[in-house]
Amino acid sequence: MTAKPVDQMTFEEAIKELETVVGQLERGDVALDDSISLYERGAALKARCEQKLKEAEEKVARITLGADGQPTGTAPLDA
């Protein structure tokens, strides 16, 4: 695990660490207290990944297309 705060991680960093956490928990090669800490870290990493995916989806939803089908810019989500 890295010491980097979860809320400062990119999607790629968070998903990579989440995969590591899941692997450790699945193998069961950590003590109970460490398992609890890993589970909590994993939950935070999962939430970060979901947040970053939602942000990406919102950006894609704002892309507007011109008459020729090419992106022309972005528009508010509720437009």
C-alpha atoms as a PDB file:
ATOM      1  CA  MET A   1       0.000   0.000   0.000  1.00  0.00           C
ATOM      2  CA  THR A   2       1.033   3.537  -0.608  1.00  0.00           C
ATOM      3  CA  ALA A   3       0.996   6.307   1.935  1.00  0.00           C
ATOM      4  CA  LYS A   4      -0.727   8.628  -0.543  1.00  0.00           C
ATOM      5  CA  PRO A   5      -4.126   9.852   0.664  1.00  0.00           C
ATOM      6  CA  VAL A   6      -6.952   8.189  -1.247  1.00  0.00           C
ATOM      7  CA  ASP A   7      -8.594  11.517  -2.107  1.00  0.00           C
ATOM      8  CA  GLN A   8      -5.448  12.574  -3.983  1.00  0.00           C
ATOM      9  CA  MET A   9      -5.170   9.425  -6.111  1.00  0.00           C
ATOM     10  CA  THR A  10      -5.904   9.174  -9.781  1.00  0.00           C
ATOM     11  CA  PHE A  11      -8.340   6.513 -10.923  1.00  0.00           C
ATOM     12  CA  GLU A  12      -5.457   4.363 -12.114  1.00  0.00           C
ATOM     13  CA  GLU A  13      -3.589   4.612  -8.814  1.00  0.00           C
ATOM     14  CA  ALA A  14      -6.709   3.814  -6.802  1.00  0.00           C
ATOM     15  CA  ILE A  15      -7.745   0.829  -8.907  1.00  0.00           C
ATOM     16  CA  LYS A  16      -4.230  -0.635  -8.820  1.00  0.00           C
ATOM     17  CA  GLU A  17      -4.043  -0.386  -5.051  1.00  0.00           C
ATOM     18  CA  LEU A  18      -7.600  -1.730  -4.729  1.00  0.00           C
ATOM     19  CA  GLU A  19      -6.574  -4.796  -6.731  1.00  0.00           C
ATOM     20  CA  THR A  20      -3.640  -5.299  -4.351  1.00  0.00           C
ATOM     21  CA  VAL A  21      -5.886  -4.964  -1.296  1.00  0.00           C
ATOM     22  CA  VAL A  22      -8.425  -7.427  -2.677  1.00  0.00           C
ATOM     23  CA  GLY A  23      -5.663  -9.907  -3.461  1.00  0.00           C
ATOM     24  CA  GLN A  24      -4.301  -9.719   0.069  1.00  0.00           C
ATOM     25  CA  LEU A  25      -7.747 -10.157   1.597  1.00  0.00           C
ATOM     26  CA  GLU A  26      -8.576 -13.084  -0.693  1.00  0.00           C
ATOM     27  CA  ARG A  27      -5.333 -14.878   0.180  1.00  0.00           C
ATOM     28  CA  GLY A  28      -6.004 -14.368   3.863  1.00  0.00           C
ATOM     29  CA  ASP A  29      -2.334 -13.905   4.595  1.00  0.00           C
ATOM     30  CA  VAL A  30      -2.782 -10.949   6.965  1.00  0.00           C
ATOM     31  CA  ALA A  31      -3.700 -10.757  10.636  1.00  0.00           C
ATOM     32  CA  LEU A  32      -7.265  -9.903  11.650  1.00  0.00           C
ATOM     33  CA  ASP A  33      -6.482  -6.320  12.673  1.00  0.00           C
ATOM     34  CA  ASP A  34      -4.591  -5.773   9.434  1.00  0.00           C
ATOM     35  CA  SER A  35      -7.496  -7.280   7.507  1.00  0.00           C
ATOM     36  CA  ILE A  36      -9.853  -4.740   9.040  1.00  0.00           C
ATOM     37  CA  SER A  37      -7.513  -1.885   8.093  1.00  0.00           C
ATOM     38  CA  LEU A  38      -7.160  -3.288   4.584  1.00  0.00           C
ATOM     39  CA  TYR A  39     -10.930  -3.591   4.237  1.00  0.00           C
ATOM     40  CA  GLU A  40     -11.397   0.035   5.314  1.00  0.00           C
ATOM     41  CA  ARG A  41      -8.707   1.180   2.867  1.00  0.00           C
ATOM     42  CA  GLY A  42     -10.333  -0.907   0.141  1.00  0.00           C
ATOM     43  CA  ALA A  43     -13.718   0.680   0.792  1.00  0.00           C
ATOM     44  CA  ALA A  44     -12.176   4.147   0.501  1.00  0.00           C
ATOM     45  CA  LEU A  45     -10.384   3.159  -2.708  1.00  0.00           C
ATOM     46  CA  LYS A  46     -13.612   1.771  -4.182  1.00  0.00           C
ATOM     47  CA  ALA A  47     -15.414   5.021  -3.382  1.00  0.00           C
ATOM     48  CA  ARG A  48     -12.594   7.017  -5.032  1.00  0.00           C
ATOM     49  CA  CYS A  49     -12.807   4.903  -8.182  1.00  0.00           C
ATOM     50  CA  GLU A  50     -16.577   5.368  -8.319  1.00  0.00           C
ATOM     51  CA  GLN A  51     -16.155   9.128  -7.863  1.00  0.00           C
ATOM     52  CA  LYS A  52     -13.594   9.391 -10.662  1.00  0.00           C
ATOM     53  CA  LEU A  53     -15.766   7.295 -12.996  1.00  0.00           C
ATOM     54  CA  LYS A  54     -18.766   9.506 -12.274  1.00  0.00           C
ATOM     55  CA  GLU A  55     -16.708  12.619 -13.030  1.00  0.00           C
ATOM     56  CA  ALA A  56     -15.611  11.095 -16.348  1.00  0.00           C
ATOM     57  CA  GLU A  57     -19.188  10.138 -17.252  1.00  0.00           C
ATOM     58  CA  GLU A  58     -20.355  13.673 -16.517  1.00  0.00           C
ATOM     59  CA  LYS A  59     -17.632  15.127 -18.754  1.00  0.00           C
ATOM     60  CA  VAL A  60     -18.631  12.811 -21.588  1.00  0.00           C
ATOM     61  CA  ALA A  61     -22.294  13.710 -21.104  1.00  0.00           C
ATOM     62  CA  ARG A  62     -21.443  17.415 -21.539  1.00  0.00           C
ATOM     63  CA  ILE A  63     -19.713  16.979 -24.888  1.00  0.00           C
ATOM     64  CA  THR A  64     -21.807  18.579 -27.626  1.00  0.00           C
ATOM     65  CA  LEU A  65     -21.679  17.582 -31.269  1.00  0.00           C
ATOM     66  CA  GLY A  66     -22.046  19.824 -34.298  1.00  0.00           C
ATOM     67  CA  ALA A  67     -24.140  19.070 -37.381  1.00  0.00           C
ATOM     68  CA  ASP A  68     -21.203  17.155 -38.839  1.00  0.00           C
ATOM     69  CA  GLY A  69     -21.033  14.902 -35.749  1.00  0.00           C
ATOM     70  CA  GLN A  70     -17.763  16.398 -34.542  1.00  0.00           C
ATOM     71  CA  PRO A  71     -17.324  17.624 -30.960  1.00  0.00           C
ATOM     72  CA  THR A  72     -17.845  21.382 -30.740  1.00  0.00           C
ATOM     73  CA  GLY A  73     -17.384  21.903 -27.013  1.00  0.00           C
ATOM     74  CA  THR A  74     -19.147  21.181 -23.826  1.00  0.00           C
ATOM     75  CA  ALA A  75     -22.535  22.159 -22.506  1.00  0.00           C
ATOM     76  CA  PRO A  76     -24.078  22.174 -19.042  1.00  0.00           C
ATOM     77  CA  LEU A  77     -25.398  18.787 -17.992  1.00  0.00           C
ATOM     78  CA  ASP A  78     -28.967  20.019 -17.660  1.00  0.00           C
ATOM     79  CA  ALA A  79     -29.018  21.681 -21.087  1.00  0.00           C
END
